[in-house]
């Protein structure tokens, strides 16, 4: 879903795409390269570190404060149950 951004000067709190939880598309944003609503495509993630989460595997915590609804980081991976994780560990052995 892509919508034309009608912002002037910057894409801030009133940006219709931001309010719809959509990132502005480079060719549809009226602001251009200075758009502030492209954190995903510009890889502007929060600083994070992995940590062992007892009984769960690994977790990720941020080193910065996060506002409600703020973009943190892209998740790439899958969640597997215990049975699947045991099978995968056996395959690696």
PDB file of N, CA and C in Angstrom:
ATOM      1  N   UNK A   1       0.851  -1.183   0.000  1.00  0.00           N
ATOM      2  CA  UNK A   1       0.000   0.000   0.000  1.00  0.00           C
ATOM      3  C   UNK A   1       0.890   1.237   0.000  1.00  0.00           C
ATOM      4  N   UNK A   2       0.726   2.082  -0.971  1.00  0.00           N
ATOM      5  CA  UNK A   2       1.483   3.320  -1.038  1.00  0.00           C
ATOM      6  C   UNK A   2       0.519   4.484  -1.194  1.00  0.00           C
ATOM      7  N   UNK A   3       0.735   5.510  -0.406  1.00  0.00           N
ATOM      8  CA  UNK A   3      -0.103   6.699  -0.511  1.00  0.00           C
ATOM      9  C   UNK A   3       0.788   7.910  -0.712  1.00  0.00           C
ATOM     10  N   UNK A   4       0.279   8.891  -1.417  1.00  0.00           N
ATOM     11  CA  UNK A   4       1.033  10.115  -1.669  1.00  0.00           C
ATOM     12  C   UNK A   4       1.060  10.951  -0.404  1.00  0.00           C
ATOM     13  N   UNK A   5       2.243  11.358  -0.033  1.00  0.00           N
ATOM     14  CA  UNK A   5       2.428  12.198   1.146  1.00  0.00           C
ATOM     15  C   UNK A   5       2.223  13.659   0.734  1.00  0.00           C
ATOM     16  N   UNK A   6       1.466  14.391   1.529  1.00  0.00           N
ATOM     17  CA  UNK A   6       1.183  15.792   1.218  1.00  0.00           C
ATOM     18  C   UNK A   6       1.912  16.750   2.162  1.00  0.00           C
ATOM     19  N   UNK A   7       2.910  16.252   2.864  1.00  0.00           N
ATOM     20  CA  UNK A   7       3.639  17.082   3.826  1.00  0.00           C
ATOM     21  C   UNK A   7       4.418  18.181   3.120  1.00  0.00           C
ATOM     22  N   UNK A   8       4.657  19.256   3.843  1.00  0.00           N
ATOM     23  CA  UNK A   8       5.455  20.371   3.344  1.00  0.00           C
ATOM     24  C   UNK A   8       6.634  20.579   4.284  1.00  0.00           C
ATOM     25  N   UNK A   9       7.841  20.524   3.784  1.00  0.00           N
ATOM     26  CA  UNK A   9       9.025  20.780   4.599  1.00  0.00           C
ATOM     27  C   UNK A   9       9.598  19.555   5.288  1.00  0.00           C
ATOM     28  N   UNK A  10       8.759  18.802   6.013  1.00  0.00           N
ATOM     29  CA  UNK A  10       9.221  17.578   6.663  1.00  0.00           C
ATOM     30  C   UNK A  10       8.031  16.674   6.946  1.00  0.00           C
ATOM     31  N   UNK A  11       8.311  15.392   7.091  1.00  0.00           N
ATOM     32  CA  UNK A  11       7.260  14.430   7.435  1.00  0.00           C
ATOM     33  C   UNK A  11       7.310  14.209   8.941  1.00  0.00           C
ATOM     34  N   UNK A  12       6.506  14.953   9.664  1.00  0.00           N
ATOM     35  CA  UNK A  12       6.502  14.876  11.122  1.00  0.00           C
ATOM     36  C   UNK A  12       5.257  14.191  11.637  1.00  0.00           C
ATOM     37  N   UNK A  13       4.808  14.627  12.794  1.00  0.00           N
ATOM     38  CA  UNK A  13       3.675  14.001  13.479  1.00  0.00           C
ATOM     39  C   UNK A  13       2.375  14.082  12.679  1.00  0.00           C
ATOM     40  N   UNK A  14       2.250  15.045  11.770  1.00  0.00           N
ATOM     41  CA  UNK A  14       1.018  15.181  10.994  1.00  0.00           C
ATOM     42  C   UNK A  14       1.057  14.447   9.662  1.00  0.00           C
ATOM     43  N   UNK A  15       2.136  13.758   9.359  1.00  0.00           N
ATOM     44  CA  UNK A  15       2.258  13.015   8.106  1.00  0.00           C
ATOM     45  C   UNK A  15       1.204  11.907   8.065  1.00  0.00           C
ATOM     46  N   UNK A  16       0.407  11.877   7.007  1.00  0.00           N
ATOM     47  CA  UNK A  16      -0.656  10.878   6.912  1.00  0.00           C
ATOM     48  C   UNK A  16      -0.093   9.466   6.829  1.00  0.00           C
ATOM     49  N   UNK A  17       1.035   9.297   6.162  1.00  0.00           N
ATOM     50  CA  UNK A  17       1.636   7.968   6.095  1.00  0.00           C
ATOM     51  C   UNK A  17       2.104   7.511   7.474  1.00  0.00           C
ATOM     52  N   UNK A  18       2.788   8.380   8.190  1.00  0.00           N
ATOM     53  CA  UNK A  18       3.268   8.038   9.538  1.00  0.00           C
ATOM     54  C   UNK A  18       2.092   7.654  10.441  1.00  0.00           C
ATOM     55  N   UNK A  19       0.999   8.399  10.355  1.00  0.00           N
ATOM     56  CA  UNK A  19      -0.165   8.120  11.190  1.00  0.00           C
ATOM     57  C   UNK A  19      -0.874   6.826  10.805  1.00  0.00           C
ATOM     58  N   UNK A  20      -0.686   6.393   9.561  1.00  0.00           N
ATOM     59  CA  UNK A  20      -1.230   5.108   9.110  1.00  0.00           C
ATOM     60  C   UNK A  20      -0.237   3.971   9.333  1.00  0.00           C
ATOM     61  N   UNK A  21       0.903   4.284   9.968  1.00  0.00           N
ATOM     62  CA  UNK A  21       1.996   3.332  10.211  1.00  0.00           C
ATOM     63  C   UNK A  21       2.587   2.810   8.904  1.00  0.00           C
ATOM     64  N   UNK A  22       2.681   3.716   7.927  1.00  0.00           N
ATOM     65  CA  UNK A  22       3.306   3.413   6.646  1.00  0.00           C
ATOM     66  C   UNK A  22       4.546   4.272   6.481  1.00  0.00           C
ATOM     67  N   UNK A  23       5.565   3.716   5.858  1.00  0.00           N
ATOM     68  CA  UNK A  23       6.750   4.501   5.570  1.00  0.00           C
ATOM     69  C   UNK A  23       6.546   5.223   4.240  1.00  0.00           C
ATOM     70  N   UNK A  24       7.009   6.456   4.159  1.00  0.00           N
ATOM     71  CA  UNK A  24       6.893   7.206   2.906  1.00  0.00           C
ATOM     72  C   UNK A  24       7.733   6.529   1.826  1.00  0.00           C
ATOM     73  N   UNK A  25       7.215   6.519   0.636  1.00  0.00           N
ATOM     74  CA  UNK A  25       7.907   5.949  -0.520  1.00  0.00           C
ATOM     75  C   UNK A  25       8.654   7.085  -1.221  1.00  0.00           C
ATOM     76  N   UNK A  26       9.864   6.825  -1.647  1.00  0.00           N
ATOM     77  CA  UNK A  26      10.699   7.900  -2.197  1.00  0.00           C
ATOM     78  C   UNK A  26      10.054   8.635  -3.370  1.00  0.00           C
ATOM     79  N   UNK A  27       9.330   7.926  -4.214  1.00  0.00           N
ATOM     80  CA  UNK A  27       8.755   8.610  -5.373  1.00  0.00           C
ATOM     81  C   UNK A  27       7.371   9.202  -5.108  1.00  0.00           C
ATOM     82  N   UNK A  28       6.788   8.935  -3.941  1.00  0.00           N
ATOM     83  CA  UNK A  28       5.471   9.485  -3.631  1.00  0.00           C
ATOM     84  C   UNK A  28       5.507  10.524  -2.514  1.00  0.00           C
ATOM     85  N   UNK A  29       6.661  10.748  -1.928  1.00  0.00           N
ATOM     86  CA  UNK A  29       6.764  11.704  -0.827  1.00  0.00           C
ATOM     87  C   UNK A  29       7.075  13.088  -1.385  1.00  0.00           C
ATOM     88  N   UNK A  30       6.287  14.074  -0.993  1.00  0.00           N
ATOM     89  CA  UNK A  30       6.485  15.429  -1.497  1.00  0.00           C
ATOM     90  C   UNK A  30       7.717  16.102  -0.884  1.00  0.00           C
ATOM     91  N   UNK A  31       8.229  15.575   0.239  1.00  0.00           N
ATOM     92  CA  UNK A  31       9.380  16.178   0.904  1.00  0.00           C
ATOM     93  C   UNK A  31      10.687  15.830   0.190  1.00  0.00           C
ATOM     94  N   UNK A  32      10.766  14.623  -0.353  1.00  0.00           N
ATOM     95  CA  UNK A  32      11.981  14.207  -1.055  1.00  0.00           C
ATOM     96  C   UNK A  32      12.974  13.517  -0.138  1.00  0.00           C
ATOM     97  N   UNK A  33      14.278  13.606  -0.459  1.00  0.00           N
ATOM     98  CA  UNK A  33      15.298  12.877   0.293  1.00  0.00           C
ATOM     99  C   UNK A  33      15.381  13.237   1.781  1.00  0.00           C
ATOM    100  N   UNK A  34      14.903  14.393   2.174  1.00  0.00           N
ATOM    101  CA  UNK A  34      14.961  14.804   3.573  1.00  0.00           C
ATOM    102  C   UNK A  34      13.823  14.265   4.421  1.00  0.00           C
ATOM    103  N   UNK A  35      13.014  13.396   3.867  1.00  0.00           N
ATOM    104  CA  UNK A  35      11.865  12.849   4.590  1.00  0.00           C
ATOM    105  C   UNK A  35      12.320  12.150   5.868  1.00  0.00           C
ATOM    106  N   UNK A  36      11.624  12.411   6.964  1.00  0.00           N
ATOM    107  CA  UNK A  36      11.937  11.789   8.242  1.00  0.00           C
ATOM    108  C   UNK A  36      11.111  10.553   8.542  1.00  0.00           C
ATOM    109  N   UNK A  37      10.369  10.083   7.548  1.00  0.00           N
ATOM    110  CA  UNK A  37       9.513   8.911   7.730  1.00  0.00           C
ATOM    111  C   UNK A  37      10.001   7.746   6.858  1.00  0.00           C
ATOM    112  N   UNK A  38      11.308   7.497   6.913  1.00  0.00           N
ATOM    113  CA  UNK A  38      11.898   6.388   6.144  1.00  0.00           C
ATOM    114  C   UNK A  38      12.936   5.644   6.975  1.00  0.00           C
ATOM    115  N   UNK A  39      12.656   5.403   8.225  1.00  0.00           N
ATOM    116  CA  UNK A  39      13.615   4.745   9.111  1.00  0.00           C
ATOM    117  C   UNK A  39      13.919   3.318   8.666  1.00  0.00           C
ATOM    118  N   UNK A  40      12.927   2.611   8.153  1.00  0.00           N
ATOM    119  CA  UNK A  40      13.133   1.231   7.715  1.00  0.00           C
ATOM    120  C   UNK A  40      14.038   1.175   6.489  1.00  0.00           C
ATOM    121  N   UNK A  41      13.706   1.933   5.453  1.00  0.00           N
ATOM    122  CA  UNK A  41      14.497   1.868   4.217  1.00  0.00           C
ATOM    123  C   UNK A  41      15.887   2.462   4.391  1.00  0.00           C
ATOM    124  N   UNK A  42      16.068   3.340   5.375  1.00  0.00           N
ATOM    125  CA  UNK A  42      17.391   3.921   5.633  1.00  0.00           C
ATOM    126  C   UNK A  42      18.132   3.179   6.749  1.00  0.00           C
ATOM    127  N   UNK A  43      17.549   2.067   7.221  1.00  0.00           N
ATOM    128  CA  UNK A  43      18.134   1.251   8.302  1.00  0.00           C
ATOM    129  C   UNK A  43      18.475   2.085   9.534  1.00  0.00           C
ATOM    130  N   UNK A  44      17.568   2.976   9.913  1.00  0.00           N
ATOM    131  CA  UNK A  44      17.767   3.813  11.092  1.00  0.00           C
ATOM    132  C   UNK A  44      17.134   3.127  12.302  1.00  0.00           C
ATOM    133  N   UNK A  45      17.847   2.115  12.793  1.00  0.00           N
ATOM    134  CA  UNK A  45      17.352   1.312  13.906  1.00  0.00           C
ATOM    135  C   UNK A  45      17.840   1.859  15.244  1.00  0.00           C
ATOM    136  N   UNK A  46      17.138   1.500  16.295  1.00  0.00           N
ATOM    137  CA  UNK A  46      17.593   1.803  17.644  1.00  0.00           C
ATOM    138  C   UNK A  46      18.819   0.940  17.943  1.00  0.00           C
ATOM    139  N   UNK A  47      19.705   1.425  18.811  1.00  0.00           N
ATOM    140  CA  UNK A  47      20.855   0.627  19.225  1.00  0.00           C
ATOM    141  C   UNK A  47      20.366  -0.498  20.120  1.00  0.00           C
ATOM    142  N   UNK A  48      20.708  -1.733  19.762  1.00  0.00           N
ATOM    143  CA  UNK A  48      20.240  -2.911  20.485  1.00  0.00           C
ATOM    144  C   UNK A  48      21.383  -3.885  20.725  1.00  0.00           C
ATOM    145  N   UNK A  49      21.213  -4.723  21.749  1.00  0.00           N
ATOM    146  CA  UNK A  49      22.161  -5.804  21.985  1.00  0.00           C
ATOM    147  C   UNK A  49      21.379  -7.075  22.315  1.00  0.00           C
ATOM    148  N   UNK A  50      21.874  -8.230  21.846  1.00  0.00           N
ATOM    149  CA  UNK A  50      21.228  -9.496  22.210  1.00  0.00           C
ATOM    150  C   UNK A  50      21.617  -9.898  23.624  1.00  0.00           C
ATOM    151  N   UNK A  51      20.741 -10.656  24.265  1.00  0.00           N
ATOM    152  CA  UNK A  51      21.044 -11.171  25.602  1.00  0.00           C
ATOM    153  C   UNK A  51      20.366 -12.528  25.770  1.00  0.00           C
ATOM    154  N   UNK A  52      20.989 -13.409  26.557  1.00  0.00           N
ATOM    155  CA  UNK A  52      20.360 -14.715  26.785  1.00  0.00           C
ATOM    156  C   UNK A  52      19.123 -14.544  27.672  1.00  0.00           C
ATOM    157  N   UNK A  53      18.011 -15.099  27.230  1.00  0.00           N
ATOM    158  CA  UNK A  53      16.757 -15.034  27.974  1.00  0.00           C
ATOM    159  C   UNK A  53      16.465 -16.430  28.513  1.00  0.00           C
ATOM    160  N   UNK A  54      16.731 -16.664  29.793  1.00  0.00           N
ATOM    161  CA  UNK A  54      16.571 -18.004  30.364  1.00  0.00           C
ATOM    162  C   UNK A  54      15.211 -18.621  30.034  1.00  0.00           C
ATOM    163  N   UNK A  55      15.269 -19.848  29.538  1.00  0.00           N
ATOM    164  CA  UNK A  55      14.045 -20.575  29.197  1.00  0.00           C
ATOM    165  C   UNK A  55      13.421 -20.168  27.880  1.00  0.00           C
ATOM    166  N   UNK A  56      14.013 -19.200  27.201  1.00  0.00           N
ATOM    167  CA  UNK A  56      13.425 -18.714  25.945  1.00  0.00           C
ATOM    168  C   UNK A  56      14.413 -18.669  24.801  1.00  0.00           C
ATOM    169  N   UNK A  57      15.695 -18.680  25.091  1.00  0.00           N
ATOM    170  CA  UNK A  57      16.700 -18.546  24.034  1.00  0.00           C
ATOM    171  C   UNK A  57      17.376 -17.196  24.136  1.00  0.00           C
ATOM    172  N   UNK A  58      17.156 -16.367  23.136  1.00  0.00           N
ATOM    173  CA  UNK A  58      17.787 -15.048  23.100  1.00  0.00           C
ATOM    174  C   UNK A  58      16.739 -13.955  23.006  1.00  0.00           C
ATOM    175  N   UNK A  59      17.052 -12.834  23.606  1.00  0.00           N
ATOM    176  CA  UNK A  59      16.210 -11.650  23.534  1.00  0.00           C
ATOM    177  C   UNK A  59      17.016 -10.493  22.975  1.00  0.00           C
ATOM    178  N   UNK A  60      16.366  -9.377  22.801  1.00  0.00           N
ATOM    179  CA  UNK A  60      17.019  -8.183  22.277  1.00  0.00           C
ATOM    180  C   UNK A  60      16.579  -7.011  23.136  1.00  0.00           C
ATOM    181  N   UNK A  61      17.531  -6.242  23.628  1.00  0.00           N
ATOM    182  CA  UNK A  61      17.155  -5.057  24.402  1.00  0.00           C
ATOM    183  C   UNK A  61      17.809  -3.834  23.787  1.00  0.00           C
ATOM    184  N   UNK A  62      17.128  -2.725  23.942  1.00  0.00           N
ATOM    185  CA  UNK A  62      17.637  -1.489  23.362  1.00  0.00           C
ATOM    186  C   UNK A  62      18.519  -0.757  24.357  1.00  0.00           C
ATOM    187  N   UNK A  63      19.381   0.055  23.813  1.00  0.00           N
ATOM    188  CA  UNK A  63      20.254   0.895  24.622  1.00  0.00           C
ATOM    189  C   UNK A  63      19.755   2.329  24.635  1.00  0.00           C
ATOM    190  N   UNK A  64      18.553   2.530  24.096  1.00  0.00           N
ATOM    191  CA  UNK A  64      17.939   3.853  24.004  1.00  0.00           C
ATOM    192  C   UNK A  64      16.496   3.773  24.485  1.00  0.00           C
ATOM    193  N   UNK A  65      15.948   4.893  24.893  1.00  0.00           N
ATOM    194  CA  UNK A  65      14.534   4.946  25.233  1.00  0.00           C
ATOM    195  C   UNK A  65      13.705   4.799  23.968  1.00  0.00           C
ATOM    196  N   UNK A  66      12.522   4.203  24.111  1.00  0.00           N
ATOM    197  CA  UNK A  66      11.617   4.004  22.982  1.00  0.00           C
ATOM    198  C   UNK A  66      10.269   4.606  23.340  1.00  0.00           C
ATOM    199  N   UNK A  67       9.758   5.422  22.456  1.00  0.00           N
ATOM    200  CA  UNK A  67       8.423   5.997  22.631  1.00  0.00           C
ATOM    201  C   UNK A  67       7.386   4.990  22.124  1.00  0.00           C
ATOM    202  N   UNK A  68       6.170   4.987  22.689  1.00  0.00           N
ATOM    203  CA  UNK A  68       5.127   4.078  22.197  1.00  0.00           C
ATOM    204  C   UNK A  68       4.905   4.257  20.692  1.00  0.00           C
ATOM    205  N   UNK A  69       4.868   3.143  19.979  1.00  0.00           N
ATOM    206  CA  UNK A  69       4.639   3.166  18.538  1.00  0.00           C
ATOM    207  C   UNK A  69       5.861   3.478  17.705  1.00  0.00           C
ATOM    208  N   UNK A  70       7.006   3.702  18.341  1.00  0.00           N
ATOM    209  CA  UNK A  70       8.222   4.066  17.609  1.00  0.00           C
ATOM    210  C   UNK A  70       8.864   2.837  16.981  1.00  0.00           C
ATOM    211  N   UNK A  71       9.432   3.007  15.784  1.00  0.00           N
ATOM    212  CA  UNK A  71      10.122   1.929  15.080  1.00  0.00           C
ATOM    213  C   UNK A  71      11.406   1.576  15.819  1.00  0.00           C
ATOM    214  N   UNK A  72      11.635   0.285  16.041  1.00  0.00           N
ATOM    215  CA  UNK A  72      12.817  -0.162  16.764  1.00  0.00           C
ATOM    216  C   UNK A  72      13.805  -0.816  15.805  1.00  0.00           C
ATOM    217  N   UNK A  73      13.421  -1.949  15.207  1.00  0.00           N
ATOM    218  CA  UNK A  73      14.317  -2.684  14.313  1.00  0.00           C
ATOM    219  C   UNK A  73      13.486  -3.675  13.508  1.00  0.00           C
ATOM    220  N   UNK A  74      14.007  -4.053  12.372  1.00  0.00           N
ATOM    221  CA  UNK A  74      13.377  -5.073  11.538  1.00  0.00           C
ATOM    222  C   UNK A  74      13.658  -6.441  12.149  1.00  0.00           C
ATOM    223  N   UNK A  75      12.638  -7.276  12.244  1.00  0.00           N
ATOM    224  CA  UNK A  75      12.827  -8.643  12.721  1.00  0.00           C
ATOM    225  C   UNK A  75      12.876  -9.572  11.522  1.00  0.00           C
ATOM    226  N   UNK A  76      13.937 -10.348  11.432  1.00  0.00           N
ATOM    227  CA  UNK A  76      14.060 -11.343  10.373  1.00  0.00           C
ATOM    228  C   UNK A  76      14.366 -12.661  11.059  1.00  0.00           C
ATOM    229  N   UNK A  77      13.495 -13.597  10.928  1.00  0.00           N
ATOM    230  CA  UNK A  77      13.708 -14.886  11.564  1.00  0.00           C
ATOM    231  C   UNK A  77      12.397 -15.611  11.736  1.00  0.00           C
ATOM    232  N   UNK A  78      12.424 -16.589  12.578  1.00  0.00           N
ATOM    233  CA  UNK A  78      11.207 -17.349  12.839  1.00  0.00           C
ATOM    234  C   UNK A  78      11.191 -17.784  14.295  1.00  0.00           C
ATOM    235  N   UNK A  79      10.015 -18.069  14.771  1.00  0.00           N
ATOM    236  CA  UNK A  79       9.851 -18.589  16.114  1.00  0.00           C
ATOM    237  C   UNK A  79       9.555 -20.072  15.972  1.00  0.00           C
ATOM    238  N   UNK A  80      10.353 -20.903  16.636  1.00  0.00           N
ATOM    239  CA  UNK A  80      10.143 -22.349  16.567  1.00  0.00           C
ATOM    240  C   UNK A  80       9.854 -22.885  17.963  1.00  0.00           C
ATOM    241  N   UNK A  81       9.099 -23.968  18.007  1.00  0.00           N
ATOM    242  CA  UNK A  81       8.800 -24.582  19.301  1.00  0.00           C
ATOM    243  C   UNK A  81       9.950 -25.490  19.722  1.00  0.00           C
ATOM    244  N   UNK A  82       9.859 -26.031  20.927  1.00  0.00           N
ATOM    245  CA  UNK A  82      10.929 -26.851  21.495  1.00  0.00           C
ATOM    246  C   UNK A  82      11.220 -28.069  20.625  1.00  0.00           C
ATOM    247  N   UNK A  83      10.174 -28.733  20.155  1.00  0.00           N
ATOM    248  CA  UNK A  83      10.355 -29.932  19.324  1.00  0.00           C
ATOM    249  C   UNK A  83      11.166 -29.619  18.061  1.00  0.00           C
ATOM    250  N   UNK A  84      10.825 -28.529  17.393  1.00  0.00           N
ATOM    251  CA  UNK A  84      11.546 -28.147  16.174  1.00  0.00           C
ATOM    252  C   UNK A  84      12.986 -27.754  16.482  1.00  0.00           C
ATOM    253  N   UNK A  85      13.199 -27.069  17.597  1.00  0.00           N
ATOM    254  CA  UNK A  85      14.572 -26.669  17.925  1.00  0.00           C
ATOM    255  C   UNK A  85      15.437 -27.886  18.226  1.00  0.00           C
ATOM    256  N   UNK A  86      14.878 -28.901  18.902  1.00  0.00           N
ATOM    257  CA  UNK A  86      15.625 -30.136  19.167  1.00  0.00           C
ATOM    258  C   UNK A  86      15.975 -30.827  17.861  1.00  0.00           C
ATOM    259  N   UNK A  87      15.030 -30.901  16.936  1.00  0.00           N
ATOM    260  CA  UNK A  87      15.295 -31.523  15.633  1.00  0.00           C
ATOM    261  C   UNK A  87      16.417 -30.801  14.890  1.00  0.00           C
ATOM    262  N   UNK A  88      16.395 -29.479  14.923  1.00  0.00           N
ATOM    263  CA  UNK A  88      17.431 -28.707  14.225  1.00  0.00           C
ATOM    264  C   UNK A  88      18.800 -28.882  14.879  1.00  0.00           C
ATOM    265  N   UNK A  89      18.829 -28.936  16.197  1.00  0.00           N
ATOM    266  CA  UNK A  89      20.099 -29.141  16.885  1.00  0.00           C
ATOM    267  C   UNK A  89      20.642 -30.526  16.574  1.00  0.00           C
ATOM    268  N   UNK A  90      19.786 -31.529  16.454  1.00  0.00           N
ATOM    269  CA  UNK A  90      20.237 -32.883  16.099  1.00  0.00           C
ATOM    270  C   UNK A  90      20.788 -32.915  14.677  1.00  0.00           C
ATOM    271  N   UNK A  91      20.157 -32.175  13.784  1.00  0.00           N
ATOM    272  CA  UNK A  91      20.619 -32.123  12.390  1.00  0.00           C
ATOM    273  C   UNK A  91      22.006 -31.489  12.288  1.00  0.00           C
ATOM    274  N   UNK A  92      22.305 -30.545  13.188  1.00  0.00           N
ATOM    275  CA  UNK A  92      23.595 -29.857  13.156  1.00  0.00           C
ATOM    276  C   UNK A  92      24.722 -30.703  13.739  1.00  0.00           C
ATOM    277  N   UNK A  93      24.355 -31.690  14.557  1.00  0.00           N
ATOM    278  CA  UNK A  93      25.376 -32.515  15.246  1.00  0.00           C
ATOM    279  C   UNK A  93      26.037 -33.502  14.311  1.00  0.00           C
TER     280      UNK A  93
END
